[in-house]
């Protein structure tokens, strides 16, 4: 699918939620509540504006795994994204859930 097929705006505004470190990550603090609270707070800010798309990613999981993301990281990324999307009018906007290259082949 071409970029222009996804967006009608000539210069679409794409928001990005960088999740707090997830389970399986060396920097995970042990609280999924913190991950959810931060993600939902960022989503609430973005929901106030006419964004055209949304990215939810695990960028704060650095240092990254060289070959595969741990299953618990993938599950947490999926679960938080599931709860963030309803407040973002995601049915009307494209969204992406990339995992950095170090997790290629796992998501």
N, C-alpha and C. Protein backbone atom coordinates (compact mmCIF):
# COMPACT_ATOMS: atom_id res chain seq x y z
N UNK A 1 0.85 -1.17 0.00
CA UNK A 1 0.00 0.00 0.00
C UNK A 1 0.89 1.24 0.00
N UNK A 2 0.56 2.19 -0.81
CA UNK A 2 1.33 3.43 -0.92
C UNK A 2 0.99 4.37 0.22
N UNK A 3 1.98 5.16 0.61
CA UNK A 3 1.81 6.14 1.68
C UNK A 3 0.61 7.03 1.41
N UNK A 4 0.45 7.48 0.20
CA UNK A 4 -0.67 8.38 -0.14
C UNK A 4 -2.02 7.70 -0.08
N UNK A 5 -2.02 6.36 -0.13
CA UNK A 5 -3.29 5.64 0.02
C UNK A 5 -3.74 5.60 1.48
N UNK A 6 -2.79 5.72 2.40
CA UNK A 6 -3.11 5.69 3.82
C UNK A 6 -3.61 7.02 4.35
N UNK A 7 -3.09 8.11 3.80
CA UNK A 7 -3.38 9.44 4.33
C UNK A 7 -3.94 10.34 3.25
N UNK A 8 -4.94 11.13 3.63
CA UNK A 8 -5.51 12.09 2.67
C UNK A 8 -4.81 13.44 2.77
N UNK A 9 -4.23 13.74 3.93
CA UNK A 9 -3.54 15.03 4.11
C UNK A 9 -2.21 15.00 3.35
N UNK A 10 -1.84 16.11 2.71
CA UNK A 10 -0.56 16.13 1.99
C UNK A 10 0.65 16.01 2.94
N UNK A 11 0.48 16.48 4.17
CA UNK A 11 1.54 16.36 5.19
C UNK A 11 0.89 15.84 6.47
N UNK A 12 0.68 14.53 6.54
CA UNK A 12 -0.03 13.98 7.69
C UNK A 12 0.75 14.14 8.99
N UNK A 13 0.01 14.32 10.06
CA UNK A 13 0.58 14.42 11.40
C UNK A 13 0.49 13.03 12.04
N UNK A 14 1.64 12.44 12.31
CA UNK A 14 1.69 11.10 12.88
C UNK A 14 2.28 11.19 14.28
N UNK A 15 1.50 10.80 15.27
CA UNK A 15 1.94 10.84 16.67
C UNK A 15 2.66 9.54 17.00
N UNK A 16 3.54 9.59 18.00
CA UNK A 16 4.28 8.40 18.41
C UNK A 16 4.29 8.30 19.93
N UNK A 17 3.85 7.17 20.44
CA UNK A 17 3.91 6.90 21.87
C UNK A 17 5.10 5.97 22.10
N UNK A 18 6.07 6.45 22.87
CA UNK A 18 7.24 5.65 23.24
C UNK A 18 6.95 5.03 24.60
N UNK A 19 6.68 3.75 24.62
CA UNK A 19 6.34 3.08 25.88
C UNK A 19 7.52 3.07 26.84
N UNK A 20 7.20 3.06 28.12
CA UNK A 20 8.24 2.87 29.13
C UNK A 20 8.81 1.47 28.93
N UNK A 21 10.00 1.18 29.49
CA UNK A 21 10.58 -0.16 29.30
C UNK A 21 9.60 -1.26 29.69
N UNK A 22 9.54 -2.27 28.84
CA UNK A 22 8.57 -3.36 28.97
C UNK A 22 9.18 -4.59 29.66
N UNK A 23 8.33 -5.49 30.15
CA UNK A 23 8.83 -6.74 30.72
C UNK A 23 9.75 -7.44 29.71
N UNK A 24 10.83 -7.99 30.20
CA UNK A 24 11.82 -8.62 29.34
C UNK A 24 12.97 -7.69 29.00
N UNK A 25 12.76 -6.40 29.20
CA UNK A 25 13.78 -5.39 28.93
C UNK A 25 14.66 -5.21 30.17
N UNK A 26 15.97 -4.97 29.98
CA UNK A 26 16.85 -4.78 31.14
C UNK A 26 16.42 -3.61 32.04
N UNK A 27 15.76 -2.61 31.48
CA UNK A 27 15.39 -1.42 32.26
C UNK A 27 13.96 -1.47 32.80
N UNK A 28 13.27 -2.57 32.59
CA UNK A 28 11.88 -2.68 33.09
C UNK A 28 11.89 -2.49 34.60
N UNK A 29 11.03 -1.59 35.09
CA UNK A 29 11.01 -1.24 36.51
C UNK A 29 10.11 -2.16 37.34
N UNK A 30 9.43 -3.11 36.71
CA UNK A 30 8.61 -4.05 37.45
C UNK A 30 7.15 -3.65 37.58
N UNK A 31 6.74 -2.55 36.93
CA UNK A 31 5.36 -2.08 37.07
C UNK A 31 4.71 -1.84 35.71
N UNK A 32 3.79 -2.73 35.34
CA UNK A 32 3.03 -2.48 34.11
C UNK A 32 2.10 -1.30 34.30
N UNK A 33 1.72 -0.99 35.53
CA UNK A 33 0.85 0.17 35.79
C UNK A 33 1.54 1.44 35.29
N UNK A 34 2.84 1.58 35.55
CA UNK A 34 3.59 2.75 35.08
C UNK A 34 3.61 2.80 33.55
N UNK A 35 3.78 1.65 32.91
CA UNK A 35 3.78 1.58 31.45
C UNK A 35 2.42 2.06 30.92
N UNK A 36 1.34 1.51 31.47
CA UNK A 36 -0.01 1.89 31.04
C UNK A 36 -0.30 3.36 31.32
N UNK A 37 -0.01 3.81 32.53
CA UNK A 37 -0.33 5.19 32.90
C UNK A 37 0.37 6.19 31.98
N UNK A 38 1.64 5.95 31.70
CA UNK A 38 2.39 6.86 30.83
C UNK A 38 1.84 6.83 29.41
N UNK A 39 1.57 5.64 28.89
CA UNK A 39 1.04 5.53 27.53
C UNK A 39 -0.33 6.19 27.41
N UNK A 40 -1.19 5.95 28.38
CA UNK A 40 -2.53 6.55 28.33
C UNK A 40 -2.50 8.06 28.50
N UNK A 41 -1.55 8.57 29.29
CA UNK A 41 -1.40 10.03 29.44
C UNK A 41 -0.94 10.65 28.12
N UNK A 42 0.01 10.00 27.45
CA UNK A 42 0.46 10.51 26.14
C UNK A 42 -0.68 10.44 25.13
N UNK A 43 -1.42 9.34 25.14
CA UNK A 43 -2.55 9.19 24.21
C UNK A 43 -3.60 10.27 24.43
N UNK A 44 -3.84 10.62 25.69
CA UNK A 44 -4.82 11.67 25.99
C UNK A 44 -4.40 13.02 25.41
N UNK A 45 -3.11 13.29 25.44
CA UNK A 45 -2.60 14.53 24.84
C UNK A 45 -2.83 14.50 23.33
N UNK A 46 -2.44 13.40 22.69
CA UNK A 46 -2.58 13.30 21.23
C UNK A 46 -4.05 13.32 20.81
N UNK A 47 -4.94 12.78 21.64
CA UNK A 47 -6.36 12.73 21.29
C UNK A 47 -6.99 14.12 21.19
N UNK A 48 -6.33 15.12 21.73
CA UNK A 48 -6.82 16.50 21.67
C UNK A 48 -6.57 17.15 20.32
N UNK A 49 -5.79 16.49 19.47
CA UNK A 49 -5.38 17.08 18.20
C UNK A 49 -5.80 16.18 17.04
N UNK A 50 -5.95 16.76 15.88
CA UNK A 50 -6.39 15.97 14.72
C UNK A 50 -5.22 15.21 14.08
N UNK A 51 -4.75 14.17 14.76
CA UNK A 51 -3.64 13.40 14.19
C UNK A 51 -4.17 12.49 13.08
N UNK A 52 -3.28 12.17 12.16
CA UNK A 52 -3.65 11.33 11.02
C UNK A 52 -3.21 9.88 11.18
N UNK A 53 -2.33 9.62 12.12
CA UNK A 53 -1.85 8.27 12.35
C UNK A 53 -1.15 8.18 13.69
N UNK A 54 -0.89 6.96 14.12
CA UNK A 54 -0.29 6.74 15.43
C UNK A 54 0.71 5.59 15.36
N UNK A 55 1.85 5.77 16.02
CA UNK A 55 2.84 4.72 16.18
C UNK A 55 2.97 4.46 17.67
N UNK A 56 2.95 3.19 18.06
CA UNK A 56 3.20 2.80 19.44
C UNK A 56 4.43 1.90 19.38
N UNK A 57 5.49 2.27 20.09
CA UNK A 57 6.71 1.48 19.99
C UNK A 57 7.43 1.32 21.32
N UNK A 58 8.35 0.38 21.34
CA UNK A 58 9.10 0.04 22.55
C UNK A 58 10.49 0.64 22.54
N UNK A 59 10.63 1.84 22.08
CA UNK A 59 11.95 2.46 21.91
C UNK A 59 12.72 2.59 23.23
N UNK A 60 12.02 2.71 24.34
CA UNK A 60 12.72 2.87 25.63
C UNK A 60 13.23 1.55 26.20
N UNK A 61 13.12 0.47 25.43
CA UNK A 61 13.63 -0.82 25.88
C UNK A 61 15.15 -0.96 25.72
N UNK A 62 15.82 0.04 25.24
CA UNK A 62 17.28 -0.05 25.02
C UNK A 62 17.99 -0.44 26.31
N UNK A 63 19.04 -1.22 26.27
CA UNK A 63 19.67 -1.79 25.07
C UNK A 63 18.81 -2.91 24.48
N UNK A 64 18.79 -2.98 23.17
CA UNK A 64 17.91 -3.89 22.48
C UNK A 64 18.51 -5.28 22.31
N UNK A 65 17.64 -6.23 22.10
CA UNK A 65 18.07 -7.61 21.86
C UNK A 65 18.49 -7.75 20.40
N UNK A 66 19.59 -8.44 20.13
CA UNK A 66 20.11 -8.51 18.76
C UNK A 66 19.32 -9.40 17.82
N UNK A 67 18.58 -10.38 18.33
CA UNK A 67 17.95 -11.33 17.42
C UNK A 67 16.44 -11.44 17.55
N UNK A 68 15.94 -11.39 18.76
CA UNK A 68 14.50 -11.58 18.95
C UNK A 68 14.05 -10.90 20.23
N UNK A 69 12.87 -10.29 20.16
CA UNK A 69 12.28 -9.71 21.36
C UNK A 69 11.77 -10.83 22.25
N UNK A 70 11.90 -10.68 23.56
CA UNK A 70 11.32 -11.67 24.46
C UNK A 70 9.79 -11.71 24.30
N UNK A 71 9.21 -12.87 24.47
CA UNK A 71 7.76 -13.03 24.32
C UNK A 71 7.00 -12.08 25.23
N UNK A 72 7.51 -11.86 26.45
CA UNK A 72 6.80 -10.98 27.37
C UNK A 72 6.81 -9.53 26.90
N UNK A 73 7.84 -9.12 26.17
CA UNK A 73 7.87 -7.77 25.61
C UNK A 73 6.83 -7.62 24.51
N UNK A 74 6.72 -8.63 23.67
CA UNK A 74 5.73 -8.60 22.59
C UNK A 74 4.32 -8.58 23.17
N UNK A 75 4.08 -9.40 24.18
CA UNK A 75 2.76 -9.44 24.81
C UNK A 75 2.41 -8.10 25.46
N UNK A 76 3.37 -7.49 26.14
CA UNK A 76 3.12 -6.21 26.80
C UNK A 76 2.87 -5.11 25.77
N UNK A 77 3.65 -5.08 24.70
CA UNK A 77 3.48 -4.10 23.63
C UNK A 77 2.08 -4.23 23.02
N UNK A 78 1.65 -5.45 22.80
CA UNK A 78 0.33 -5.70 22.23
C UNK A 78 -0.78 -5.27 23.19
N UNK A 79 -0.64 -5.63 24.45
CA UNK A 79 -1.68 -5.31 25.44
C UNK A 79 -1.85 -3.81 25.64
N UNK A 80 -0.74 -3.09 25.75
CA UNK A 80 -0.83 -1.64 25.96
C UNK A 80 -1.41 -0.97 24.72
N UNK A 81 -0.98 -1.40 23.55
CA UNK A 81 -1.51 -0.82 22.31
C UNK A 81 -3.01 -1.05 22.22
N UNK A 82 -3.46 -2.23 22.58
CA UNK A 82 -4.90 -2.54 22.56
C UNK A 82 -5.68 -1.54 23.41
N UNK A 83 -5.12 -1.14 24.55
CA UNK A 83 -5.83 -0.23 25.45
C UNK A 83 -5.67 1.24 25.07
N UNK A 84 -4.63 1.56 24.32
CA UNK A 84 -4.40 2.95 23.89
C UNK A 84 -5.29 3.30 22.69
N UNK A 85 -5.49 2.38 21.79
CA UNK A 85 -6.17 2.68 20.53
C UNK A 85 -7.61 3.20 20.67
N UNK A 86 -8.44 2.67 21.56
CA UNK A 86 -9.82 3.19 21.63
C UNK A 86 -9.91 4.69 21.87
N UNK A 87 -9.03 5.26 22.65
CA UNK A 87 -9.07 6.69 22.91
C UNK A 87 -8.50 7.53 21.79
N UNK A 88 -7.92 6.87 20.79
CA UNK A 88 -7.27 7.60 19.70
C UNK A 88 -8.11 7.61 18.43
N UNK A 89 -9.35 7.11 18.49
CA UNK A 89 -10.18 7.03 17.29
C UNK A 89 -9.43 6.24 16.22
N UNK A 90 -8.81 5.13 16.64
CA UNK A 90 -7.93 4.37 15.78
C UNK A 90 -8.63 3.76 14.57
N UNK A 91 -9.95 3.60 14.65
CA UNK A 91 -10.65 3.06 13.50
C UNK A 91 -10.58 3.99 12.30
N UNK A 92 -10.37 5.28 12.56
CA UNK A 92 -10.32 6.26 11.49
C UNK A 92 -8.90 6.60 11.08
N UNK A 93 -7.91 6.17 11.85
CA UNK A 93 -6.52 6.54 11.58
C UNK A 93 -5.65 5.30 11.46
N UNK A 94 -4.71 5.31 10.53
CA UNK A 94 -3.76 4.20 10.48
C UNK A 94 -2.88 4.20 11.73
N UNK A 95 -2.49 3.03 12.15
CA UNK A 95 -1.56 2.94 13.27
C UNK A 95 -0.54 1.85 12.99
N UNK A 96 0.59 1.95 13.66
CA UNK A 96 1.67 0.97 13.49
C UNK A 96 2.23 0.63 14.85
N UNK A 97 2.70 -0.60 14.97
CA UNK A 97 3.33 -1.06 16.19
C UNK A 97 4.67 -1.69 15.79
N UNK A 98 5.66 -0.85 15.49
CA UNK A 98 6.95 -1.41 15.11
C UNK A 98 7.73 -1.84 16.33
N UNK A 99 8.56 -2.82 16.16
CA UNK A 99 9.56 -3.12 17.18
C UNK A 99 10.88 -2.85 16.50
N UNK A 100 11.82 -2.19 17.17
CA UNK A 100 13.07 -1.86 16.51
C UNK A 100 13.73 -3.07 15.87
N UNK A 101 14.63 -2.82 14.95
CA UNK A 101 15.25 -3.85 14.13
C UNK A 101 15.77 -5.02 14.94
N UNK A 102 16.24 -4.77 16.15
CA UNK A 102 16.78 -5.86 16.95
C UNK A 102 15.76 -6.94 17.22
N UNK A 103 14.49 -6.64 17.03
CA UNK A 103 13.47 -7.65 17.24
C UNK A 103 12.89 -8.16 15.93
N UNK A 104 13.58 -7.95 14.85
CA UNK A 104 13.03 -8.35 13.55
C UNK A 104 12.72 -9.83 13.51
N UNK A 105 11.62 -10.14 12.90
CA UNK A 105 11.22 -11.52 12.78
C UNK A 105 10.39 -12.03 13.93
N UNK A 106 10.13 -11.19 14.94
CA UNK A 106 9.38 -11.67 16.10
C UNK A 106 7.98 -11.10 16.16
N UNK A 107 7.76 -9.94 15.62
CA UNK A 107 6.44 -9.31 15.76
C UNK A 107 5.60 -9.56 14.53
